[in-house]
Amino acid sequence: MLGLGVGSLAGGELSKRLGARLLIAFGLVEVGIGLFGLLSLRLFAFIGSFTSGWSLAGAGLACFLMLLVPTTLMGATLRCSSPTGFAARATSAARSEPSTSSTPSAPRSARSPRR
């Protein structure tokens, strides 16, 4: 989850900075995910043999760091693919709307009767 969150933040920054070149960045991120997928079985075998004598905490940390790379890339893909997606539009629309303090918040049955 850390990688997805960090990747989402990084992808958001990329989407703000790159503008029209965002499609190229998205493609490169997807290529990175694909390369990790191609190399992952060999990498897992190497990390397993490399950390076989380590403590459980050390081996767990090595696996965590290894998986941080692809999950960060995966987190970046959504923000790179839709910098003006639904969530971004909804957030900006909510910030720009004036407050509606004159609208009653309680249902009609909870308010005092009309006279």
C-alpha atoms as a PDB file:
ATOM      1  CA  MET A   1       0.000   0.000   0.000  1.00  0.00           C
ATOM      2  CA  LEU A   2       2.908   2.349   0.632  1.00  0.00           C
ATOM      3  CA  GLY A   3       4.116   1.942  -2.949  1.00  0.00           C
ATOM      4  CA  LEU A   4       0.654   2.620  -4.365  1.00  0.00           C
ATOM      5  CA  GLY A   5       0.317   5.766  -2.262  1.00  0.00           C
ATOM      6  CA  VAL A   6       3.780   7.072  -3.044  1.00  0.00           C
ATOM      7  CA  GLY A   7       3.275   6.264  -6.718  1.00  0.00           C
ATOM      8  CA  SER A   8      -0.036   8.083  -6.760  1.00  0.00           C
ATOM      9  CA  LEU A   9       1.583  11.186  -5.284  1.00  0.00           C
ATOM     10  CA  ALA A  10       4.485  10.974  -7.729  1.00  0.00           C
ATOM     11  CA  GLY A  11       2.124  10.393 -10.651  1.00  0.00           C
ATOM     12  CA  GLY A  12       0.117  13.442  -9.647  1.00  0.00           C
ATOM     13  CA  GLU A  13       3.227  15.586  -9.667  1.00  0.00           C
ATOM     14  CA  LEU A  14       4.232  14.153 -13.045  1.00  0.00           C
ATOM     15  CA  SER A  15       0.819  14.922 -14.480  1.00  0.00           C
ATOM     16  CA  LYS A  16       1.109  18.553 -13.370  1.00  0.00           C
ATOM     17  CA  ARG A  17       4.631  19.036 -14.720  1.00  0.00           C
ATOM     18  CA  LEU A  18       4.651  17.119 -17.984  1.00  0.00           C
ATOM     19  CA  GLY A  19       1.476  18.334 -19.660  1.00  0.00           C
ATOM     20  CA  ALA A  20       1.424  17.091 -23.267  1.00  0.00           C
ATOM     21  CA  ARG A  21       4.321  14.678 -22.697  1.00  0.00           C
ATOM     22  CA  LEU A  22       2.280  12.795 -20.122  1.00  0.00           C
ATOM     23  CA  LEU A  23       1.454   9.986 -22.540  1.00  0.00           C
ATOM     24  CA  ILE A  24       5.167   9.272 -22.969  1.00  0.00           C
ATOM     25  CA  ALA A  25       5.632   9.158 -19.183  1.00  0.00           C
ATOM     26  CA  PHE A  26       2.653   6.819 -18.860  1.00  0.00           C
ATOM     27  CA  GLY A  27       4.170   4.525 -21.489  1.00  0.00           C
ATOM     28  CA  LEU A  28       7.522   4.483 -19.711  1.00  0.00           C
ATOM     29  CA  VAL A  29       5.873   3.644 -16.399  1.00  0.00           C
ATOM     30  CA  GLU A  30       3.981   0.786 -18.048  1.00  0.00           C
ATOM     31  CA  VAL A  31       7.209  -0.478 -19.643  1.00  0.00           C
ATOM     32  CA  GLY A  32       8.837  -0.415 -16.198  1.00  0.00           C
ATOM     33  CA  ILE A  33       6.008  -2.513 -14.764  1.00  0.00           C
ATOM     34  CA  GLY A  34       6.313  -4.947 -17.659  1.00  0.00           C
ATOM     35  CA  LEU A  35      10.084  -5.266 -17.251  1.00  0.00           C
ATOM     36  CA  PHE A  36       9.673  -5.978 -13.566  1.00  0.00           C
ATOM     37  CA  GLY A  37       7.118  -8.638 -14.446  1.00  0.00           C
ATOM     38  CA  LEU A  38       9.529 -10.252 -16.890  1.00  0.00           C
ATOM     39  CA  LEU A  39      12.390 -10.235 -14.418  1.00  0.00           C
ATOM     40  CA  SER A  40      10.393 -10.898 -11.247  1.00  0.00           C
ATOM     41  CA  LEU A  41      10.762 -14.694 -11.085  1.00  0.00           C
ATOM     42  CA  ARG A  42      14.528 -14.488 -11.429  1.00  0.00           C
ATOM     43  CA  LEU A  43      14.648 -11.567  -9.009  1.00  0.00           C
ATOM     44  CA  PHE A  44      12.563 -13.437  -6.419  1.00  0.00           C
ATOM     45  CA  ALA A  45      14.851 -16.471  -6.725  1.00  0.00           C
ATOM     46  CA  PHE A  46      17.951 -14.281  -6.345  1.00  0.00           C
ATOM     47  CA  ILE A  47      16.550 -12.404  -3.324  1.00  0.00           C
ATOM     48  CA  GLY A  48      15.495 -15.724  -1.774  1.00  0.00           C
ATOM     49  CA  SER A  49      18.948 -17.261  -2.106  1.00  0.00           C
ATOM     50  CA  PHE A  50      20.684 -14.024  -1.128  1.00  0.00           C
ATOM     51  CA  THR A  51      18.658 -13.602   2.072  1.00  0.00           C
ATOM     52  CA  SER A  52      18.479 -17.288   3.075  1.00  0.00           C
ATOM     53  CA  GLY A  53      20.808 -16.805   6.035  1.00  0.00           C
ATOM     54  CA  TRP A  54      19.278 -13.531   7.157  1.00  0.00           C
ATOM     55  CA  SER A  55      16.902 -12.997  10.021  1.00  0.00           C
ATOM     56  CA  LEU A  56      13.187 -12.891   9.344  1.00  0.00           C
ATOM     57  CA  ALA A  57      13.148  -9.108   9.724  1.00  0.00           C
ATOM     58  CA  GLY A  58      16.054  -8.653   7.307  1.00  0.00           C
ATOM     59  CA  ALA A  59      14.554 -10.939   4.670  1.00  0.00           C
ATOM     60  CA  GLY A  60      11.186  -9.238   5.084  1.00  0.00           C
ATOM     61  CA  LEU A  61      12.783  -5.812   4.632  1.00  0.00           C
ATOM     62  CA  ALA A  62      14.574  -6.974   1.470  1.00  0.00           C
ATOM     63  CA  CYS A  63      11.298  -8.276   0.017  1.00  0.00           C
ATOM     64  CA  PHE A  64       9.509  -5.074   1.033  1.00  0.00           C
ATOM     65  CA  LEU A  65      12.081  -2.909  -0.731  1.00  0.00           C
ATOM     66  CA  MET A  66      12.020  -5.123  -3.806  1.00  0.00           C
ATOM     67  CA  LEU A  67       8.232  -4.869  -4.106  1.00  0.00           C
ATOM     68  CA  LEU A  68       8.234  -1.136  -3.447  1.00  0.00           C
ATOM     69  CA  VAL A  69       9.497  -0.463  -6.989  1.00  0.00           C
ATOM     70  CA  PRO A  70       6.667  -2.080  -8.987  1.00  0.00           C
ATOM     71  CA  THR A  71       3.930  -0.949  -6.611  1.00  0.00           C
ATOM     72  CA  THR A  72       5.168   2.632  -6.857  1.00  0.00           C
ATOM     73  CA  LEU A  73       5.024   2.371 -10.638  1.00  0.00           C
ATOM     74  CA  MET A  74       1.528   0.881 -10.437  1.00  0.00           C
ATOM     75  CA  GLY A  75       0.368   3.707  -8.202  1.00  0.00           C
ATOM     76  CA  ALA A  76       1.681   6.258 -10.677  1.00  0.00           C
ATOM     77  CA  THR A  77      -0.227   4.824 -13.643  1.00  0.00           C
ATOM     78  CA  LEU A  78      -3.687   5.971 -12.573  1.00  0.00           C
ATOM     79  CA  ARG A  79      -2.636   9.541 -11.879  1.00  0.00           C
ATOM     80  CA  CYS A  80      -0.580   9.677 -15.077  1.00  0.00           C
ATOM     81  CA  SER A  81      -3.422   8.310 -17.162  1.00  0.00           C
ATOM     82  CA  SER A  82      -6.078  10.710 -15.893  1.00  0.00           C
ATOM     83  CA  PRO A  83      -4.730  13.958 -14.426  1.00  0.00           C
ATOM     84  CA  THR A  84      -8.186  15.505 -14.805  1.00  0.00           C
ATOM     85  CA  GLY A  85     -10.149  12.426 -13.845  1.00  0.00           C
ATOM     86  CA  PHE A  86     -13.436  12.327 -11.998  1.00  0.00           C
ATOM     87  CA  ALA A  87     -11.917  12.555  -8.529  1.00  0.00           C
ATOM     88  CA  ALA A  88      -9.791  15.584  -9.446  1.00  0.00           C
ATOM     89  CA  ARG A  89     -12.770  17.368 -11.008  1.00  0.00           C
ATOM     90  CA  ALA A  90     -15.017  16.578  -8.043  1.00  0.00           C
ATOM     91  CA  THR A  91     -12.438  17.854  -5.577  1.00  0.00           C
ATOM     92  CA  SER A  92     -11.840  21.087  -7.461  1.00  0.00           C
ATOM     93  CA  ALA A  93     -15.575  21.633  -7.958  1.00  0.00           C
ATOM     94  CA  ALA A  94     -16.223  21.154  -4.253  1.00  0.00           C
ATOM     95  CA  ARG A  95     -13.550  23.715  -3.408  1.00  0.00           C
ATOM     96  CA  SER A  96     -14.836  26.306  -5.864  1.00  0.00           C
ATOM     97  CA  GLU A  97     -18.552  26.132  -5.009  1.00  0.00           C
ATOM     98  CA  PRO A  98     -19.848  28.779  -2.628  1.00  0.00           C
ATOM     99  CA  SER A  99     -21.248  27.534   0.646  1.00  0.00           C
ATOM    100  CA  THR A 100     -24.984  26.919   0.717  1.00  0.00           C
ATOM    101  CA  SER A 101     -25.706  28.064   4.254  1.00  0.00           C
ATOM    102  CA  SER A 102     -29.242  29.206   3.357  1.00  0.00           C
ATOM    103  CA  THR A 103     -30.263  25.654   2.499  1.00  0.00           C
ATOM    104  CA  PRO A 104     -31.819  23.928   5.509  1.00  0.00           C
ATOM    105  CA  SER A 105     -29.872  20.900   6.625  1.00  0.00           C
ATOM    106  CA  ALA A 106     -32.601  19.161   8.633  1.00  0.00           C
ATOM    107  CA  PRO A 107     -35.400  17.255   6.906  1.00  0.00           C
ATOM    108  CA  ARG A 108     -38.798  18.940   6.745  1.00  0.00           C
ATOM    109  CA  SER A 109     -40.299  16.672   9.413  1.00  0.00           C
ATOM    110  CA  ALA A 110     -37.592  17.660  11.924  1.00  0.00           C
ATOM    111  CA  ARG A 111     -38.174  21.392  11.506  1.00  0.00           C
ATOM    112  CA  SER A 112     -40.943  23.364  13.151  1.00  0.00           C
ATOM    113  CA  PRO A 113     -44.269  23.312  11.276  1.00  0.00           C
ATOM    114  CA  ARG A 114     -45.129  26.108   8.854  1.00  0.00           C
ATOM    115  CA  ARG A 115     -47.567  28.812   9.957  1.00  0.00           C
END
